[in-house]
């Protein structure tokens, strides 16, 4: 499981400081969970590795964002913000490895 940085994500919203975004990798899919409204509501998106077209890494001065582009238009592209750069790079590498296995 990969979590965005509380401090870096907290710049975006108070909720992200308490409940950072999570990305979980399973054998067949990736699950992205984002909490909203002080953790009272959440959005979870699960995408099969077969439906992922590409994974992009946007590195900023302090943090990195991971963008998961989906194929077929079934789900909008998923962007998870506020990772430490090393964590974002590891997540991108693991996702690309999982996609290539499919």
C-alpha atoms as a PDB file:
ATOM      1  CA  UNK A   1       0.000   0.000   0.000  1.00  0.00           C
ATOM      2  CA  UNK A   2       1.238   3.467  -0.886  1.00  0.00           C
ATOM      3  CA  UNK A   3       0.059   6.574   0.987  1.00  0.00           C
ATOM      4  CA  UNK A   4       0.552  10.150  -0.050  1.00  0.00           C
ATOM      5  CA  UNK A   5       2.544  12.340   2.316  1.00  0.00           C
ATOM      6  CA  UNK A   6       0.400  13.940   5.006  1.00  0.00           C
ATOM      7  CA  UNK A   7       2.403  17.167   5.011  1.00  0.00           C
ATOM      8  CA  UNK A   8       2.567  17.540   1.233  1.00  0.00           C
ATOM      9  CA  UNK A   9      -1.038  16.516   0.689  1.00  0.00           C
ATOM     10  CA  UNK A  10      -2.107  18.682   3.626  1.00  0.00           C
ATOM     11  CA  UNK A  11      -1.169  21.733   1.598  1.00  0.00           C
ATOM     12  CA  UNK A  12      -4.052  20.808  -0.708  1.00  0.00           C
ATOM     13  CA  UNK A  13      -6.673  20.300   2.026  1.00  0.00           C
ATOM     14  CA  UNK A  14      -7.015  19.642   5.744  1.00  0.00           C
ATOM     15  CA  UNK A  15      -8.716  16.323   5.072  1.00  0.00           C
ATOM     16  CA  UNK A  16      -5.660  15.052   3.159  1.00  0.00           C
ATOM     17  CA  UNK A  17      -3.489  15.871   6.181  1.00  0.00           C
ATOM     18  CA  UNK A  18      -5.564  13.566   8.391  1.00  0.00           C
ATOM     19  CA  UNK A  19      -6.597  10.992   5.752  1.00  0.00           C
ATOM     20  CA  UNK A  20      -4.001  10.843   2.951  1.00  0.00           C
ATOM     21  CA  UNK A  21      -4.895   9.248  -0.386  1.00  0.00           C
ATOM     22  CA  UNK A  22      -4.059   5.528  -0.631  1.00  0.00           C
ATOM     23  CA  UNK A  23      -3.099   3.346  -3.561  1.00  0.00           C
ATOM     24  CA  UNK A  24      -3.285  -0.419  -3.069  1.00  0.00           C
ATOM     25  CA  UNK A  25      -1.923  -2.912  -5.583  1.00  0.00           C
ATOM     26  CA  UNK A  26      -3.419  -6.396  -5.777  1.00  0.00           C
ATOM     27  CA  UNK A  27      -2.673  -9.274  -8.140  1.00  0.00           C
ATOM     28  CA  UNK A  28      -5.162  -8.080 -10.759  1.00  0.00           C
ATOM     29  CA  UNK A  29      -6.080  -4.448 -10.066  1.00  0.00           C
ATOM     30  CA  UNK A  30      -5.151  -1.142  -8.472  1.00  0.00           C
ATOM     31  CA  UNK A  31      -7.440   0.432  -5.862  1.00  0.00           C
ATOM     32  CA  UNK A  32      -7.274   4.197  -5.224  1.00  0.00           C
ATOM     33  CA  UNK A  33      -9.068   5.530  -2.137  1.00  0.00           C
ATOM     34  CA  UNK A  34      -9.556   9.252  -1.543  1.00  0.00           C
ATOM     35  CA  UNK A  35     -11.245  10.576   1.585  1.00  0.00           C
ATOM     36  CA  UNK A  36     -13.231  13.813   1.509  1.00  0.00           C
ATOM     37  CA  UNK A  37     -15.101  16.085   3.870  1.00  0.00           C
ATOM     38  CA  UNK A  38     -12.978  15.338   6.969  1.00  0.00           C
ATOM     39  CA  UNK A  39     -13.078  11.605   6.291  1.00  0.00           C
ATOM     40  CA  UNK A  40     -16.869  11.327   6.351  1.00  0.00           C
ATOM     41  CA  UNK A  41     -17.071  10.412   2.677  1.00  0.00           C
ATOM     42  CA  UNK A  42     -14.679   8.572   0.424  1.00  0.00           C
ATOM     43  CA  UNK A  43     -14.211   7.704  -3.216  1.00  0.00           C
ATOM     44  CA  UNK A  44     -12.717   4.363  -4.220  1.00  0.00           C
ATOM     45  CA  UNK A  45     -11.787   3.493  -7.772  1.00  0.00           C
ATOM     46  CA  UNK A  46     -10.614   0.047  -8.804  1.00  0.00           C
ATOM     47  CA  UNK A  47      -9.034  -0.440 -12.208  1.00  0.00           C
ATOM     48  CA  UNK A  48      -7.846  -3.724 -13.654  1.00  0.00           C
ATOM     49  CA  UNK A  49      -4.249  -3.714 -14.890  1.00  0.00           C
ATOM     50  CA  UNK A  50      -5.616  -4.668 -18.311  1.00  0.00           C
ATOM     51  CA  UNK A  51      -7.526  -1.342 -18.428  1.00  0.00           C
ATOM     52  CA  UNK A  52      -4.469   0.833 -17.643  1.00  0.00           C
ATOM     53  CA  UNK A  53      -3.010   2.499 -20.724  1.00  0.00           C
ATOM     54  CA  UNK A  54      -0.073   4.247 -19.048  1.00  0.00           C
ATOM     55  CA  UNK A  55       1.313   5.563 -15.788  1.00  0.00           C
ATOM     56  CA  UNK A  56       2.833   9.039 -15.635  1.00  0.00           C
ATOM     57  CA  UNK A  57       4.900  10.631 -12.911  1.00  0.00           C
ATOM     58  CA  UNK A  58       4.814  14.408 -12.502  1.00  0.00           C
ATOM     59  CA  UNK A  59       7.665  15.524 -10.235  1.00  0.00           C
ATOM     60  CA  UNK A  60       7.532  18.916  -8.632  1.00  0.00           C
ATOM     61  CA  UNK A  61      10.048  20.719  -6.482  1.00  0.00           C
ATOM     62  CA  UNK A  62       8.967  18.942  -3.298  1.00  0.00           C
ATOM     63  CA  UNK A  63       6.564  16.156  -4.223  1.00  0.00           C
ATOM     64  CA  UNK A  64       5.401  13.927  -7.038  1.00  0.00           C
ATOM     65  CA  UNK A  65       1.995  13.123  -8.510  1.00  0.00           C
ATOM     66  CA  UNK A  66       1.086   9.826 -10.153  1.00  0.00           C
ATOM     67  CA  UNK A  67      -1.413   9.818 -13.034  1.00  0.00           C
ATOM     68  CA  UNK A  68      -2.982   6.507 -14.055  1.00  0.00           C
ATOM     69  CA  UNK A  69      -4.402   6.783 -17.573  1.00  0.00           C
ATOM     70  CA  UNK A  70      -7.120   4.263 -18.373  1.00  0.00           C
ATOM     71  CA  UNK A  71      -7.980   2.742 -21.735  1.00  0.00           C
ATOM     72  CA  UNK A  72     -11.452   2.563 -23.203  1.00  0.00           C
ATOM     73  CA  UNK A  73     -12.925   5.534 -21.366  1.00  0.00           C
ATOM     74  CA  UNK A  74     -14.556   3.390 -18.664  1.00  0.00           C
ATOM     75  CA  UNK A  75     -12.993   5.455 -15.880  1.00  0.00           C
ATOM     76  CA  UNK A  76     -11.513   8.939 -15.990  1.00  0.00           C
ATOM     77  CA  UNK A  77      -7.776   9.232 -15.527  1.00  0.00           C
ATOM     78  CA  UNK A  78      -6.850   8.938 -11.858  1.00  0.00           C
ATOM     79  CA  UNK A  79      -4.411  11.422 -10.348  1.00  0.00           C
ATOM     80  CA  UNK A  80      -3.039  10.923  -6.859  1.00  0.00           C
ATOM     81  CA  UNK A  81      -1.181  13.945  -5.503  1.00  0.00           C
ATOM     82  CA  UNK A  82       1.275  14.595  -2.712  1.00  0.00           C
ATOM     83  CA  UNK A  83       3.664  11.627  -2.728  1.00  0.00           C
ATOM     84  CA  UNK A  84       7.270  11.937  -1.707  1.00  0.00           C
ATOM     85  CA  UNK A  85       9.302  11.740  -4.919  1.00  0.00           C
ATOM     86  CA  UNK A  86      10.891   8.375  -3.999  1.00  0.00           C
ATOM     87  CA  UNK A  87       7.524   6.847  -3.131  1.00  0.00           C
ATOM     88  CA  UNK A  88       5.989   8.160  -6.361  1.00  0.00           C
ATOM     89  CA  UNK A  89       8.846   6.637  -8.380  1.00  0.00           C
ATOM     90  CA  UNK A  90       8.442   3.275  -6.621  1.00  0.00           C
ATOM     91  CA  UNK A  91       4.692   3.324  -7.217  1.00  0.00           C
ATOM     92  CA  UNK A  92       5.180   4.087 -10.908  1.00  0.00           C
ATOM     93  CA  UNK A  93       7.727   1.263 -11.251  1.00  0.00           C
ATOM     94  CA  UNK A  94       5.477  -1.266  -9.461  1.00  0.00           C
ATOM     95  CA  UNK A  95       2.484  -0.278 -11.584  1.00  0.00           C
ATOM     96  CA  UNK A  96       4.463  -0.603 -14.818  1.00  0.00           C
ATOM     97  CA  UNK A  97       5.763  -3.993 -13.671  1.00  0.00           C
ATOM     98  CA  UNK A  98       2.231  -5.191 -12.874  1.00  0.00           C
ATOM     99  CA  UNK A  99       0.910  -3.920 -16.210  1.00  0.00           C
ATOM    100  CA  UNK A 100       3.640  -5.744 -18.141  1.00  0.00           C
ATOM    101  CA  UNK A 101       2.749  -9.042 -16.412  1.00  0.00           C
ATOM    102  CA  UNK A 102      -0.848  -8.851 -17.629  1.00  0.00           C
END
